[in-house]
C-alpha cells in the first residue's frame, strides 16, 4: 500500500514512464524491410541447411559422373623377393546401374536447388512478418506513451479541482488509478515490442532497435504481382524427389546382378613376367538385393504421398491467401486517411470537454481509452494487411519477397 500511495501521489512516475526507452542508447543503423529480407534469406537456419543439402547433392553427382565404384589395386611380395605380383580390378555393372545412379544424383541436385529457393523465400517472408510485428508493436508503445501523458495531465487537473473544492476525493482516486493502468499498459506494450525486436534481430543477424525501423507496417509488404500457372518451387522440389526415388528404385533393381570385376594382373617370378586379364564375378545365389529394392519401393510410395500433400497445400494456400488479401484490402478501404490526426483531435476535444465541465471523469477516462484503442486498432489493421500480402507472396513464390540483391 505504501508503494501504491507513492505512485498515486506524485507525477515523477508518469514522467519516467513517458521517457523514450531508447533515449540513452546509441544511434543504430537504419534497417529497411528489403535489407531484413535479404539478411534472413542468407542467414536463416533452414536456408543454411538447404545450402548444405545442395553441396552434398552436387558432391554425390560428381561421385557418379564417370563410374559408380572405384577400382581396386592390390599387390604382393614373397619373403625371399623371388615372387611379386600386382593386380587392378574395376567393378563394372552391365545392367545399367551407373546411368540410373547418375539420374538419381541429377534429380537430387535439382530438388536441392528448388528446396534452397523455397527456403530463401520462406526466410524472407518470415523476416518481413517479423518486421511488420516490430513496427506495429513499436507504434503501440507510442500510443501507450500518449495514454500515460493523458492520464498524468488528467490526474493533475482533477487534483487541482479537488483543491478548489470542485472535484470529489473519489474523482482523485479514480484519476490516480487510471494513471496506474496507463503505466501498466505501457509496460505491456514495451514487453511485446522488446520480444518482436529480439525475434527480428535473430532473423537478420544484427542488433535491431525500434528507431531503425520504418513507421509504416505495409512498407514491409510489397504489392503482390500477377499469379502465374508456374508450379511453386516446393511443388517442383517434391516432384524432383519423386524422380530421385524412382531412379533409385531402378538402380536397386539393376543392382540385383552384382557388378563384374574386370582388370589385369602382373606377376614376376624368377625373373619372368606374367601379364594377363582378370575377371571376378559375385554369384547372386543367396542375396539378390531384396532389401534394397524393398526400401526403394517404399521410398517411391513415400515420395508420391509427399508430392500429393505438397500440391494440395500449395493450391489451398494460393486460394486462401488470395481471399485473405481481398478481405484485408476491403477492410483497409474503411480506414481513416489520417488516423493519428483524428485521434489527436478527438483526445483534445475530450480533454477540453472535461475541463469545461461538459464531461464527468468516468466518461472522460472511458472515451480517452476508446480513442486510443481505436488508434491502436488502425495500426493493427495495417499490420494485418501487410501480413496478408506477405502470405500471398509466399503462397505464389513471388520473388518480390526478396530484396533486389537477393533476387
Protein backbone atom coordinates (compact mmCIF):
# COMPACT_ATOMS: atom_id res chain seq x y z
CA UNK A 1 0.00 0.00 0.00
CA UNK A 2 2.89 2.38 0.70
CA UNK A 3 4.23 1.85 -2.82
CA UNK A 4 0.78 2.44 -4.31
CA UNK A 5 0.34 5.70 -2.36
CA UNK A 6 3.71 6.94 -3.53
CA UNK A 7 2.90 6.02 -7.12
CA UNK A 8 -0.51 7.67 -6.97
CA UNK A 9 0.67 10.75 -5.13
CA UNK A 10 3.43 12.04 -7.41
CA UNK A 11 3.99 12.98 -11.01
CA UNK A 12 7.53 11.60 -11.21
CA UNK A 13 6.37 8.07 -12.06
CA UNK A 14 4.34 9.25 -15.04
CA UNK A 15 7.26 11.38 -16.23
CA UNK A 16 9.63 8.41 -16.04
CA UNK A 17 7.21 6.15 -17.89
CA UNK A 18 6.83 8.73 -20.61
CA UNK A 19 10.56 8.87 -21.31
CA UNK A 20 11.59 7.21 -24.61
CA UNK A 21 13.07 3.82 -23.84
CA UNK A 22 15.94 4.28 -26.29
CA UNK A 23 16.93 7.83 -25.28
CA UNK A 24 20.11 6.65 -23.60
CA UNK A 25 21.01 4.20 -26.34
CA UNK A 26 23.41 4.92 -29.14
CA UNK A 27 22.07 5.59 -32.61
CA UNK A 28 21.51 2.45 -34.62
CA UNK A 29 21.83 1.84 -38.34
CA UNK A 30 18.56 2.03 -40.24
CA UNK A 31 17.17 -1.35 -41.26
CA UNK A 32 14.91 -1.41 -44.30
CA UNK A 33 12.45 -4.26 -44.94
CA UNK A 34 14.41 -5.30 -48.05
CA UNK A 35 17.64 -5.44 -46.06
CA UNK A 36 15.98 -7.56 -43.39
CA UNK A 37 14.60 -9.95 -46.01
CA UNK A 38 17.97 -10.22 -47.75
CA UNK A 39 19.80 -10.94 -44.50
CA UNK A 40 17.32 -13.62 -43.44
CA UNK A 41 17.49 -15.21 -46.91
CA UNK A 42 21.18 -15.88 -46.30
CA UNK A 43 21.31 -16.49 -42.53
CA UNK A 44 18.17 -18.46 -41.71
CA UNK A 45 18.92 -21.98 -40.37
CA UNK A 46 16.59 -23.52 -42.96
CA UNK A 47 18.49 -21.74 -45.75
CA UNK A 48 21.85 -22.90 -44.40
CA UNK A 49 20.53 -26.46 -44.13
CA UNK A 50 19.28 -26.27 -47.73
CA UNK A 51 22.66 -24.99 -48.90
CA UNK A 52 24.34 -27.87 -47.12
CA UNK A 53 21.98 -30.31 -48.82
CA UNK A 54 22.75 -28.79 -52.21
CA UNK A 55 26.50 -29.12 -51.65
CA UNK A 56 26.03 -32.74 -50.64
CA UNK A 57 23.86 -33.44 -53.70
CA UNK A 58 26.42 -31.88 -56.02
CA UNK A 59 29.12 -33.98 -54.40
CA UNK A 60 27.10 -37.13 -54.97
CA UNK A 61 26.57 -36.15 -58.60
CA UNK A 62 30.31 -35.68 -59.02
CA UNK A 63 30.95 -39.10 -57.44
CA UNK A 64 28.74 -40.80 -60.04
CA UNK A 65 29.71 -38.68 -63.04
CA UNK A 66 32.01 -41.38 -64.53
CA UNK A 67 31.73 -44.70 -62.70
CA UNK A 68 29.80 -45.64 -59.60
CA UNK A 69 32.59 -47.66 -57.94
CA UNK A 70 36.32 -47.07 -57.57
CA UNK A 71 38.95 -49.51 -58.89
CA UNK A 72 40.85 -51.77 -56.53
CA UNK A 73 44.61 -52.25 -56.70
CA UNK A 74 46.40 -54.98 -54.78
CA UNK A 75 49.95 -56.28 -54.70
CA UNK A 76 52.10 -58.89 -53.00
CA UNK A 77 55.75 -59.85 -52.49
CA UNK A 78 57.25 -63.10 -51.23
CA UNK A 79 59.61 -63.03 -48.25
CA UNK A 80 62.62 -64.00 -50.32
CA UNK A 81 61.78 -61.44 -53.00
CA UNK A 82 61.69 -64.06 -55.74
CA UNK A 83 58.00 -63.57 -56.48
CA UNK A 84 55.97 -60.39 -56.78
CA UNK A 85 52.61 -59.51 -58.17
CA UNK A 86 50.20 -56.63 -58.66
CA UNK A 87 46.61 -56.51 -59.92
CA UNK A 88 43.99 -53.87 -60.65
CA UNK A 89 40.25 -54.52 -60.80
CA UNK A 90 37.47 -52.16 -61.85
CA UNK A 91 33.92 -53.22 -60.92
CA UNK A 92 31.57 -52.64 -63.86
CA UNK A 93 27.83 -53.03 -63.97
CA UNK A 94 26.48 -54.20 -67.30
CA UNK A 95 22.86 -53.86 -66.18
CA UNK A 96 22.71 -50.04 -66.37
CA UNK A 97 23.19 -49.30 -62.67
CA UNK A 98 25.54 -46.41 -63.46
CA UNK A 99 23.10 -44.39 -65.61
CA UNK A 100 20.34 -44.91 -63.03
CA UNK A 101 22.66 -43.66 -60.29
CA UNK A 102 23.50 -40.58 -62.35
CA UNK A 103 19.81 -39.91 -62.99
CA UNK A 104 19.11 -40.12 -59.27
CA UNK A 105 22.03 -37.80 -58.46
CA UNK A 106 20.97 -35.22 -61.05
CA UNK A 107 17.39 -35.27 -59.78
CA UNK A 108 18.68 -34.81 -56.23
CA UNK A 109 20.65 -31.74 -57.30
CA UNK A 110 17.54 -30.29 -58.94
CA UNK A 111 15.45 -30.97 -55.84
CA UNK A 112 18.10 -29.42 -53.59
CA UNK A 113 18.26 -26.27 -55.71
CA UNK A 114 14.47 -25.91 -55.58
CA UNK A 115 14.47 -26.51 -51.83
CA UNK A 116 17.05 -23.76 -51.42
CA UNK A 117 14.95 -21.38 -53.49
CA UNK A 118 11.86 -22.08 -51.38
CA UNK A 119 13.83 -21.82 -48.14
CA UNK A 120 15.06 -18.36 -49.11
CA UNK A 121 11.57 -17.18 -49.98
CA UNK A 122 10.19 -18.57 -46.71
CA UNK A 123 13.01 -16.95 -44.72
CA UNK A 124 12.40 -13.60 -46.41
CA UNK A 125 8.68 -13.87 -45.69
CA UNK A 126 9.35 -14.71 -42.04
CA UNK A 127 11.66 -11.71 -41.72
CA UNK A 128 9.09 -9.39 -43.30
CA UNK A 129 6.37 -10.63 -40.95
CA UNK A 130 8.72 -10.12 -38.00
CA UNK A 131 9.46 -6.61 -39.31
CA UNK A 132 5.74 -5.84 -39.53
CA UNK A 133 5.19 -7.10 -35.98
CA UNK A 134 8.04 -4.95 -34.69
CA UNK A 135 6.68 -1.83 -36.39
CA UNK A 136 3.15 -2.45 -35.11
CA UNK A 137 4.28 -3.08 -31.55
CA UNK A 138 6.58 -0.06 -31.60
CA UNK A 139 3.64 2.05 -32.72
CA UNK A 140 1.57 0.64 -29.89
CA UNK A 141 4.28 1.72 -27.47
CA UNK A 142 3.94 5.27 -28.76
CA UNK A 143 0.19 5.10 -28.25
CA UNK A 144 0.76 3.80 -24.71
CA UNK A 145 3.11 6.73 -24.07
CA UNK A 146 0.34 9.07 -25.21
CA UNK A 147 -2.05 7.34 -22.78
CA UNK A 148 0.40 7.86 -19.91
CA UNK A 149 0.74 11.56 -20.73
CA UNK A 150 -3.04 12.00 -20.94
CA UNK A 151 -3.57 10.18 -17.65
CA UNK A 152 -0.95 12.35 -15.96
CA UNK A 153 -2.50 15.60 -17.17
CA UNK A 154 -5.97 14.42 -16.21
CA UNK A 155 -4.85 13.47 -12.73
CA UNK A 156 -3.16 16.85 -12.25
CA UNK A 157 -6.33 18.62 -13.39
CA UNK A 158 -8.51 16.56 -11.03
CA UNK A 159 -6.20 17.23 -8.09
CA UNK A 160 -6.32 20.98 -8.79
CA UNK A 161 -10.11 20.82 -8.96
CA UNK A 162 -10.18 18.87 -5.71
CA UNK A 163 -8.01 21.52 -4.03
CA UNK A 164 -10.51 24.15 -5.21
CA UNK A 165 -13.43 22.09 -3.95
CA UNK A 166 -14.71 21.36 -7.48
CA UNK A 167 -13.93 17.63 -7.55
CA UNK A 168 -14.55 14.84 -5.08
CA UNK A 169 -11.94 12.65 -3.44
CA UNK A 170 -13.41 9.73 -5.41
CA UNK A 171 -12.57 11.53 -8.64
CA UNK A 172 -9.00 12.00 -7.45
CA UNK A 173 -8.65 8.32 -6.66
CA UNK A 174 -10.17 7.30 -9.99
CA UNK A 175 -7.75 9.59 -11.84
CA UNK A 176 -4.79 8.16 -9.97
CA UNK A 177 -5.87 4.59 -10.69
CA UNK A 178 -6.34 5.47 -14.36
CA UNK A 179 -2.74 6.68 -14.40
CA UNK A 180 -1.54 3.40 -12.90
CA UNK A 181 -3.47 1.45 -15.53
CA UNK A 182 -1.91 3.56 -18.28
CA UNK A 183 1.54 2.78 -16.90
CA UNK A 184 0.77 -0.93 -16.80
CA UNK A 185 -0.39 -0.86 -20.42
CA UNK A 186 2.81 0.91 -21.41
CA UNK A 187 4.94 -1.77 -19.78
CA UNK A 188 2.93 -4.49 -21.51
CA UNK A 189 3.33 -2.75 -24.85
CA UNK A 190 7.05 -2.34 -24.23
CA UNK A 191 7.40 -6.02 -23.39
CA UNK A 192 5.72 -7.00 -26.67
CA UNK A 193 7.94 -4.60 -28.59
CA UNK A 194 11.07 -6.00 -26.97
CA UNK A 195 10.13 -9.57 -27.90
CA UNK A 196 9.40 -8.59 -31.50
CA UNK A 197 12.71 -6.73 -31.84
CA UNK A 198 14.61 -9.71 -30.46
CA UNK A 199 12.87 -12.06 -32.88
CA UNK A 200 13.73 -9.76 -35.80
CA UNK A 201 17.36 -9.44 -34.66
CA UNK A 202 17.66 -13.23 -34.57
CA UNK A 203 16.47 -13.47 -38.18
CA UNK A 204 18.66 -10.70 -39.61
CA UNK A 205 21.76 -11.44 -37.57
CA UNK A 206 22.33 -7.92 -36.25
CA UNK A 207 21.13 -5.75 -33.35
CA UNK A 208 17.81 -4.06 -34.04
CA UNK A 209 16.28 -1.02 -32.37
CA UNK A 210 12.83 0.43 -32.92
CA UNK A 211 14.32 3.72 -34.13
CA UNK A 212 15.98 1.84 -37.01
CA UNK A 213 12.66 0.67 -38.46
CA UNK A 214 10.21 2.36 -40.77
CA UNK A 215 6.99 3.75 -39.29
CA UNK A 216 4.63 2.12 -41.79
CA UNK A 217 3.89 -1.64 -41.43
CA UNK A 218 2.85 -2.01 -45.07
CA UNK A 219 6.27 -0.81 -46.24
CA UNK A 220 7.49 -4.33 -45.41
CA UNK A 221 4.91 -5.96 -47.70
CA UNK A 222 5.36 -5.41 -51.46
CA UNK A 223 2.26 -5.39 -53.60
CA UNK A 224 1.66 -8.93 -54.96
CA UNK A 225 2.09 -9.37 -58.69
CA UNK A 226 0.04 -11.34 -61.16
CA UNK A 227 -0.35 -15.01 -60.24
CA UNK A 228 1.14 -17.37 -62.83
CA UNK A 229 0.48 -21.03 -63.53
CA UNK A 230 4.11 -21.98 -62.90
CA UNK A 231 4.27 -24.61 -60.12
CA UNK A 232 5.72 -23.42 -56.86
CA UNK A 233 9.33 -24.29 -56.08
CA UNK A 234 8.34 -26.65 -53.26
CA UNK A 235 5.96 -28.47 -55.63
CA UNK A 236 8.73 -28.79 -58.20
CA UNK A 237 11.07 -30.00 -55.47
CA UNK A 238 8.57 -32.67 -54.40
CA UNK A 239 8.32 -33.89 -57.98
CA UNK A 240 12.11 -33.91 -58.28
CA UNK A 241 12.32 -36.00 -55.11
CA UNK A 242 9.84 -38.42 -56.66
CA UNK A 243 12.17 -38.65 -59.65
CA UNK A 244 15.02 -39.38 -57.24
CA UNK A 245 13.06 -42.20 -55.63
CA UNK A 246 12.07 -43.69 -58.97
CA UNK A 247 15.64 -43.54 -60.28
CA UNK A 248 16.89 -45.12 -57.07
CA UNK A 249 14.36 -47.93 -57.49
CA UNK A 250 15.68 -48.56 -61.00
CA UNK A 251 19.21 -48.59 -59.62
CA UNK A 252 18.35 -51.07 -56.89
CA UNK A 253 16.62 -53.36 -59.35
CA UNK A 254 19.62 -53.28 -61.65
CA UNK A 255 21.84 -53.98 -58.67
CA UNK A 256 20.21 -57.39 -58.29
CA UNK A 257 23.03 -58.62 -60.51
CA UNK A 258 26.35 -57.66 -58.89
CA UNK A 259 28.96 -55.81 -60.94
CA UNK A 260 31.67 -57.74 -62.72
CA UNK A 261 35.25 -57.01 -61.76
CA UNK A 262 37.39 -56.51 -64.87
CA UNK A 263 41.13 -55.89 -64.59
CA UNK A 264 44.65 -57.02 -65.22
CA UNK A 265 47.43 -58.63 -63.22
CA UNK A 266 51.22 -58.69 -63.40
CA UNK A 267 53.28 -61.38 -61.71
CA UNK A 268 57.05 -61.64 -61.64
CA UNK A 269 58.71 -64.91 -60.65
CA UNK A 270 62.38 -65.86 -61.07
CA UNK A 271 62.85 -63.01 -63.47
CA UNK A 272 59.92 -63.93 -65.67
CA UNK A 273 56.86 -61.72 -66.03
CA UNK A 274 53.28 -62.94 -66.45
CA UNK A 275 50.67 -60.45 -67.61
CA UNK A 276 47.02 -61.22 -68.16
CA UNK A 277 43.44 -60.09 -67.69
CA UNK A 278 41.34 -60.89 -64.65
CA UNK A 279 37.62 -61.26 -64.21
CA UNK A 280 35.73 -61.64 -60.94
CA UNK A 281 32.03 -62.32 -60.59
CA UNK A 282 29.87 -62.44 -57.49
CA UNK A 283 27.17 -65.06 -57.95
CA UNK A 284 23.76 -63.79 -56.76
CA UNK A 285 22.77 -67.09 -55.22
CA UNK A 286 21.56 -66.07 -51.77
CA UNK A 287 21.45 -62.26 -51.85
CA UNK A 288 19.73 -60.54 -54.77
CA UNK A 289 19.33 -57.15 -53.10
CA UNK A 290 15.80 -57.78 -51.89
CA UNK A 291 16.20 -55.31 -49.01
CA UNK A 292 17.47 -52.54 -51.29
CA UNK A 293 14.63 -52.99 -53.75
CA UNK A 294 12.06 -53.13 -50.99
CA UNK A 295 13.38 -49.96 -49.37
CA UNK A 296 13.48 -48.15 -52.73
CA UNK A 297 9.89 -49.19 -53.44
CA UNK A 298 8.84 -47.78 -50.10
CA UNK A 299 10.68 -44.53 -50.86
CA UNK A 300 8.73 -44.19 -54.11
CA UNK A 301 5.42 -44.60 -52.28
CA UNK A 302 6.53 -42.11 -49.65
CA UNK A 303 7.62 -39.57 -52.28
CA UNK A 304 4.29 -39.96 -54.10
CA UNK A 305 2.39 -39.21 -50.90
CA UNK A 306 4.62 -36.25 -50.10
CA UNK A 307 4.15 -34.79 -53.57
CA UNK A 308 0.39 -35.12 -53.32
CA UNK A 309 0.38 -33.40 -49.94
CA UNK A 310 2.59 -30.54 -51.14
CA UNK A 311 0.46 -29.96 -54.23
CA UNK A 312 -2.73 -29.90 -52.17
CA UNK A 313 -1.24 -27.48 -49.63
CA UNK A 314 0.11 -25.19 -52.35
CA UNK A 315 -3.26 -24.98 -54.10
CA UNK A 316 -5.05 -24.32 -50.81
CA UNK A 317 -2.52 -21.67 -49.77
CA UNK A 318 -2.98 -19.82 -53.05
CA UNK A 319 -6.75 -19.74 -52.73
CA UNK A 320 -6.89 -18.84 -49.05
CA UNK A 321 -4.11 -16.24 -49.35
CA UNK A 322 -5.90 -14.53 -52.24
CA UNK A 323 -9.15 -14.45 -50.26
CA UNK A 324 -7.31 -13.13 -47.22
CA UNK A 325 -5.73 -10.28 -49.20
CA UNK A 326 -9.02 -9.31 -50.83
CA UNK A 327 -10.73 -9.15 -47.47
CA UNK A 328 -7.88 -7.22 -45.86
CA UNK A 329 -7.79 -4.65 -48.64
CA UNK A 330 -11.55 -4.22 -48.48
CA UNK A 331 -11.30 -3.51 -44.75
CA UNK A 332 -8.40 -1.17 -45.38
CA UNK A 333 -10.68 0.94 -47.56
CA UNK A 334 -12.65 1.90 -44.45
CA UNK A 335 -9.62 3.21 -42.59
CA UNK A 336 -9.37 6.96 -41.91
CA UNK A 337 -6.99 8.90 -44.10
CA UNK A 338 -5.00 10.25 -41.14
CA UNK A 339 -5.96 8.22 -38.05
CA UNK A 340 -3.29 9.80 -35.87
CA UNK A 341 -4.61 13.32 -36.51
CA UNK A 342 -8.19 12.17 -35.95
CA UNK A 343 -7.22 10.55 -32.67
CA UNK A 344 -5.31 13.64 -31.52
CA UNK A 345 -8.25 15.91 -32.32
CA UNK A 346 -10.67 13.58 -30.54
CA UNK A 347 -8.48 13.43 -27.43
CA UNK A 348 -8.15 17.21 -27.34
CA UNK A 349 -11.92 17.55 -27.59
CA UNK A 350 -12.47 15.07 -24.77
CA UNK A 351 -9.94 16.80 -22.55
CA UNK A 352 -11.47 20.20 -23.29
CA UNK A 353 -14.92 18.83 -22.59
CA UNK A 354 -13.86 17.64 -19.14
CA UNK A 355 -12.15 20.91 -18.27
CA UNK A 356 -15.26 22.79 -19.38
CA UNK A 357 -17.43 20.58 -17.19
CA UNK A 358 -19.27 19.01 -20.09
CA UNK A 359 -17.97 15.51 -19.30
CA UNK A 360 -17.61 13.77 -15.98
CA UNK A 361 -14.41 11.92 -15.05
CA UNK A 362 -15.57 8.32 -15.72
CA UNK A 363 -16.84 9.31 -19.18
CA UNK A 364 -13.61 11.15 -19.92
CA UNK A 365 -11.42 8.20 -18.96
CA UNK A 366 -13.59 5.78 -20.94
CA UNK A 367 -13.66 7.98 -24.04
CA UNK A 368 -9.90 8.51 -23.96
CA UNK A 369 -9.36 4.79 -23.69
CA UNK A 370 -11.72 4.10 -26.60
CA UNK A 371 -9.99 6.66 -28.83
CA UNK A 372 -6.56 5.19 -28.08
CA UNK A 373 -7.90 1.67 -28.62
CA UNK A 374 -9.23 2.80 -31.98
CA UNK A 375 -5.86 4.29 -32.95
CA UNK A 376 -4.17 1.05 -31.92
CA UNK A 377 -6.72 -0.96 -33.92
CA UNK A 378 -5.88 1.07 -37.06
CA UNK A 379 -2.24 0.16 -36.58
CA UNK A 380 -3.15 -3.49 -36.02
CA UNK A 381 -5.30 -3.49 -39.15
CA UNK A 382 -2.45 -2.05 -41.20
CA UNK A 383 -0.20 -4.80 -39.90
CA UNK A 384 -2.81 -7.40 -40.77
CA UNK A 385 -2.99 -6.14 -44.34
CA UNK A 386 0.80 -6.34 -44.59
CA UNK A 387 0.87 -9.90 -43.25
CA UNK A 388 -1.86 -10.92 -45.70
CA UNK A 389 0.19 -9.58 -48.60
CA UNK A 390 3.28 -11.43 -47.42
CA UNK A 391 1.25 -14.61 -47.13
CA UNK A 392 0.10 -14.27 -50.75
CA UNK A 393 3.64 -13.52 -51.93
CA UNK A 394 4.89 -16.70 -50.28
CA UNK A 395 1.92 -18.73 -51.50
CA UNK A 396 2.70 -17.76 -55.09
CA UNK A 397 6.51 -17.96 -54.90
CA UNK A 398 6.69 -14.26 -55.70
CA UNK A 399 10.32 -13.04 -55.99
CA UNK A 400 9.24 -9.66 -54.61
CA UNK A 401 9.72 -11.22 -51.18
CA UNK A 402 13.46 -10.94 -51.69
CA UNK A 403 15.36 -7.71 -51.82
CA UNK A 404 16.80 -6.59 -55.18
CA UNK A 405 20.16 -8.02 -54.07
CA UNK A 406 18.61 -11.37 -53.18
CA UNK A 407 16.52 -11.93 -56.32
